[in-house]
Protein backbone atom coordinates (compact mmCIF):
# COMPACT_ATOMS: atom_id res chain seq x y z
CA MET A 1 88.98 106.89 165.96
CA THR A 2 90.05 108.79 162.85
CA LYS A 3 91.31 112.29 163.59
CA GLU A 4 89.74 115.09 161.57
CA LYS A 5 90.93 118.63 160.77
CA ARG A 6 89.02 121.25 158.77
CA VAL A 7 91.08 123.89 157.02
CA GLU A 8 89.77 127.40 156.45
CA SER A 9 92.29 128.61 153.86
CA TRP A 10 95.14 127.57 151.57
CA ARG A 11 97.54 128.85 154.23
CA ASP A 12 95.99 126.51 156.78
CA PHE A 13 96.64 123.61 154.43
CA LEU A 14 100.26 124.64 153.82
CA ASP A 15 100.88 125.00 157.55
CA LEU A 16 99.85 121.40 158.16
CA PHE A 17 102.87 120.22 156.18
CA SER A 18 105.44 122.93 156.81
CA MET A 19 107.08 120.96 159.62
CA VAL A 20 107.01 117.66 157.76
CA GLY A 21 109.17 118.99 154.92
CA GLY A 22 112.31 119.06 157.08
CA GLU A 23 111.78 115.61 158.60
CA SER A 24 112.71 113.19 155.83
CA SER A 25 112.07 110.05 157.89
CA LYS A 26 108.57 111.19 158.80
CA ARG A 27 107.85 112.37 155.25
CA LYS A 28 108.75 108.94 153.85
CA SER A 29 106.17 107.28 156.08
CA LEU A 30 103.23 109.43 154.94
CA LEU A 31 100.73 108.64 152.19
CA PHE A 32 97.90 110.90 151.02
CA ARG A 33 94.68 110.37 149.10
CA GLY A 34 92.23 113.00 147.88
CA GLN A 35 88.50 112.37 147.46
CA ALA A 36 85.98 114.87 146.15
CA ASP A 37 83.36 114.13 148.82
CA SER A 38 84.34 113.89 152.49
CA GLN A 39 81.43 111.51 153.11
CA TRP A 40 82.71 108.83 150.74
CA LYS A 41 84.27 105.73 152.21
CA LEU A 42 87.71 104.58 151.18
CA GLN A 43 86.90 102.05 148.46
CA THR A 44 88.89 100.26 145.81
CA THR A 45 87.52 100.22 142.28
CA LEU A 46 86.86 96.50 142.74
CA GLU A 47 84.63 97.29 145.73
CA ARG A 48 82.85 100.02 143.79
CA ARG A 49 81.80 97.32 141.31
CA GLY A 50 80.18 95.41 144.16
CA CYS A 51 82.94 92.80 144.50
CA TYR A 52 83.73 92.19 148.15
CA ASN A 53 85.79 89.47 149.84
CA VAL A 54 87.07 88.22 146.49
CA PRO A 55 89.35 85.14 146.75
CA ILE A 56 92.82 86.31 145.77
CA VAL A 57 93.63 83.31 143.60
CA LYS A 58 90.36 83.67 141.66
CA TYR A 59 91.17 87.31 140.94
CA TYR A 60 94.63 86.38 139.68
CA ASN A 61 93.20 83.64 137.48
CA MET A 62 90.92 86.27 135.91
CA LEU A 63 93.91 88.56 135.25
CA ALA A 64 95.72 85.72 133.53
CA ARG A 65 92.77 85.08 131.21
CA ILE A 66 92.61 88.67 129.91
CA ILE A 67 96.32 89.01 129.08
CA PRO A 68 96.11 87.83 125.42
CA ASN A 69 93.50 90.48 124.55
CA LEU A 70 95.45 93.22 126.32
CA GLU A 71 98.80 92.28 124.78
CA THR A 72 97.26 92.14 121.30
CA PHE A 73 95.75 95.61 121.63
CA THR A 74 98.64 97.39 123.39
CA GLY A 75 101.67 95.62 121.95
CA LYS A 76 102.99 95.28 125.50
CA SER A 77 104.04 92.01 127.08
CA TRP A 78 103.71 90.87 130.69
CA GLN A 79 105.39 87.90 132.33
CA PHE A 80 102.47 86.58 134.31
CA ASP A 81 102.46 83.05 135.67
CA ILE A 82 100.70 82.06 138.87
CA THR A 83 101.25 78.33 138.43
CA GLY A 84 102.28 76.93 141.79
CA TYR A 85 101.89 80.29 143.47
CA GLU A 86 100.40 79.18 146.77
CA GLU A 87 97.97 81.42 148.62
CA GLU A 88 100.16 81.41 151.71
CA SER A 89 102.93 83.17 149.80
CA PHE A 90 100.76 86.27 149.47
CA VAL A 91 101.21 86.77 153.22
CA THR A 92 104.99 86.56 153.20
CA ARG A 93 105.86 87.85 149.70
CA GLY A 94 103.05 90.26 148.94
CA LEU A 95 101.24 90.59 145.63
CA SER A 96 102.87 89.02 142.61
CA ASN A 97 103.12 90.89 139.31
CA PRO A 98 102.56 94.33 140.86
CA ASP A 99 103.53 96.14 137.64
CA TYR A 100 100.68 94.42 135.80
CA LEU A 101 98.20 95.22 138.57
CA VAL A 102 99.27 98.87 138.62
CA TYR A 103 98.89 99.12 134.82
CA LEU A 104 95.36 97.73 135.03
CA ARG A 105 94.51 100.08 137.89
CA HIS A 106 95.57 103.16 135.92
CA TYR A 107 93.50 102.12 132.92
CA GLY A 108 90.27 101.49 134.74
CA PHE A 109 90.20 97.74 135.33
CA PRO A 110 88.50 97.03 138.70
CA SER A 111 91.36 96.64 141.15
CA PRO A 112 91.98 95.70 144.79
CA LEU A 113 94.67 98.41 144.90
CA LEU A 114 93.73 101.75 146.48
CA ASP A 115 95.95 104.44 145.01
CA TRP A 116 97.69 107.01 147.23
CA THR A 117 100.41 109.58 146.66
CA ARG A 118 103.46 110.76 148.56
CA SER A 119 102.40 114.37 147.89
CA PRO A 120 99.65 116.12 149.89
CA PHE A 121 99.36 118.63 147.04
CA ILE A 122 98.67 116.00 144.40
CA ALA A 123 96.07 114.54 146.77
CA ALA A 124 94.56 118.02 147.14
CA PHE A 125 94.17 118.25 143.36
CA PHE A 126 92.14 115.03 143.24
CA CYS A 127 90.11 116.30 146.18
CA CYS A 128 89.27 119.63 144.54
CA SER A 129 89.00 118.85 140.83
CA ASN A 130 85.49 117.36 141.03
CA ASN A 131 82.16 117.89 142.79
CA ASP A 132 82.19 121.61 143.61
CA GLU A 133 79.10 121.21 145.79
CA ALA A 134 80.59 118.87 148.41
CA ASP A 135 83.36 119.31 150.95
CA GLY A 136 86.39 117.30 149.91
CA VAL A 137 88.88 115.35 151.99
CA VAL A 138 92.59 114.58 151.93
CA PHE A 139 93.38 111.41 153.85
CA GLU A 140 96.76 111.15 155.51
CA TYR A 141 98.02 107.69 156.39
CA THR A 142 101.17 106.80 158.34
CA LEU A 143 102.90 103.61 157.25
CA ASP A 144 104.96 101.66 159.73
CA SER A 145 108.64 100.97 159.05
CA ASN A 146 107.87 97.69 157.28
CA SER A 147 105.11 99.12 155.07
CA LYS A 148 102.90 96.41 156.54
CA ILE A 149 100.18 97.02 159.08
CA VAL A 150 98.32 94.34 161.03
CA THR A 151 95.10 96.09 162.01
CA LEU A 152 92.70 93.41 163.21
CA PRO A 153 93.00 89.70 163.92
CA GLY A 154 93.43 88.02 160.55
CA LEU A 155 93.20 91.34 158.69
CA ASN A 156 96.26 92.93 157.08
CA VAL A 157 97.18 95.92 154.94
CA ASN A 158 100.24 95.97 152.69
CA SER A 159 101.69 98.57 150.35
CA VAL A 160 102.80 98.28 146.73
CA GLY A 161 105.32 100.70 145.25
CA PRO A 162 106.74 103.20 144.71
CA TYR A 163 109.37 101.54 142.48
CA ILE A 164 107.39 99.68 139.85
CA ALA A 165 107.92 99.33 136.11
CA GLY A 166 104.71 100.91 134.91
CA GLU A 167 103.03 103.89 133.37
CA LYS A 168 104.64 107.34 133.48
CA ARG A 169 101.66 108.68 135.42
CA HIS A 170 102.56 106.31 138.27
CA PHE A 171 105.80 108.24 138.80
CA VAL A 172 104.40 111.69 137.99
CA GLN A 173 101.67 111.19 140.59
CA GLN A 174 104.21 109.83 143.13
CA ALA A 175 101.86 106.90 143.52
CA GLU A 176 101.80 104.09 146.00
CA TYR A 177 99.03 101.60 146.64
CA LEU A 178 97.47 99.90 149.64
CA TRP A 179 95.64 96.59 149.57
CA ALA A 180 93.98 94.64 152.35
CA PHE A 181 93.48 90.93 152.81
CA ASN A 182 92.12 88.56 155.39
CA LYS A 183 92.57 84.87 156.00
CA ASN A 184 90.16 82.25 157.21
CA ASP A 185 89.74 78.49 156.89
CA ASP A 186 88.67 78.91 153.25
CA GLY A 187 91.82 80.76 152.20
CA LEU A 188 92.89 84.34 151.48
CA PHE A 189 90.52 87.10 150.39
CA PHE A 190 90.82 90.76 149.48
CA ALA A 191 89.33 92.63 152.43
CA GLU A 192 87.40 95.90 152.58
CA ILE A 193 90.08 98.59 152.69
CA ASP A 194 88.01 101.07 154.72
CA ASN A 195 87.46 98.58 157.53
CA ALA A 196 91.12 97.65 157.54
CA LEU A 197 92.44 101.22 157.71
CA SER A 198 89.89 102.31 160.28
CA GLY A 199 90.42 99.36 162.63
CA PHE A 200 92.69 99.25 165.65
CA ASN A 201 95.17 101.28 163.66
CA GLY A 202 92.72 104.13 163.17
CA SER A 203 95.11 106.53 164.89
CA SER A 204 97.35 106.27 161.81
CA LEU A 205 94.58 107.63 159.58
CA LYS A 206 93.70 111.34 159.51
CA LYS A 207 91.16 113.34 157.52
CA ILE A 208 91.79 116.89 156.32
CA ILE A 209 88.50 118.47 155.23
CA ILE A 210 88.61 121.06 152.44
CA PRO A 211 85.36 123.07 152.25
CA SER A 212 83.64 123.16 148.87
CA SER A 213 83.93 126.97 148.89
CA LEU A 214 87.75 126.68 148.80
CA LYS A 215 88.11 124.13 146.02
CA LYS A 216 88.48 126.65 143.18
CA ASP A 217 91.03 128.67 145.15
CA PHE A 218 93.02 125.51 145.86
CA LEU A 219 93.08 124.60 142.17
CA ILE A 220 94.47 128.03 141.30
CA GLU A 221 97.24 127.65 143.90
CA LEU A 222 98.00 124.12 142.75
CA ASP A 223 98.23 125.26 139.14
CA PHE A 224 100.99 127.71 140.18
CA MET A 225 102.82 124.59 141.40
CA ASN A 226 102.20 122.95 137.99
CA ILE A 227 99.81 120.45 139.53
CA ASN A 228 96.87 120.14 137.17
CA ALA A 229 95.10 117.53 135.07
CA PHE A 230 97.61 117.71 132.22
CA SER A 231 100.73 117.50 134.40
CA LEU A 232 99.33 114.46 136.24
CA TYR A 233 97.88 112.54 133.29
CA GLY A 234 99.72 113.87 130.24
CA THR A 235 96.92 113.04 127.81
CA GLN A 236 95.18 115.09 125.14
CA GLU A 237 91.93 114.77 127.10
CA SER A 238 93.54 116.15 130.25
CA LEU A 239 95.14 119.01 128.27
CA LEU A 240 91.72 120.04 126.96
CA ASP A 241 90.05 119.58 130.33
CA ASP A 242 92.66 121.81 131.94
CA ALA A 243 92.29 124.41 129.18
CA PHE A 244 88.50 124.54 129.60
CA ARG A 245 88.78 124.87 133.37
CA LYS A 246 91.03 127.92 132.95
CA GLU A 247 89.09 129.58 130.15
CA LYS A 248 85.42 128.86 130.98
CA LYS A 249 85.02 132.19 132.76
CA VAL A 250 84.71 133.87 129.35
CA LEU A 251 81.40 132.02 128.88
CA ARG A 252 79.73 133.72 131.83
């Protein structure tokens, strides 16, 4: 069963991680993810589009087909060849072309990768920056030493990252990604990430609830740490969003 902790102040939140800071081995095994509503399931963007149990090879074939359009528009080039890449190798070698998958994930293409961060404070920003009416949640997940977790018979979770040639925001956000797959007689499929992380290994997953009433206070504290929309995204849109958030009180 997933453990749950509700914080009542910014100090409560800081205290949860004060001991972790001095334990480098433990800190390296922790991943965090912030969600604006504590009732939301953990879902990949592929699942949010209604695509469940997608055959892995079919998904990769789709990624190969869209490369010419993407390369023409961006001027970037990706070495992407899945010829002869047998399904079984996904079990032993992990996802191929992770840099390409991470790029697509950051630019909104439906992805089987669920993004996490090594920083609880970056996760807290994503938890608090939207949906002021709902309690938010920061998930804490403990990876094993191999960054691979077998949770249920035939169901696996692997990690991707942190060292990937990709977008700057990947490094700024201290990002890492989890993906789940299962295997049956028909082959390998991307599995539902929430089921995988909440399975027999549920003790490795914790929920830290941040009340909606504290979200604005958390954002102020995080801004003092230079954690805001602009520092995490570095775009003109995020600069203006951050500016409006700070200045909108003059409109009241």
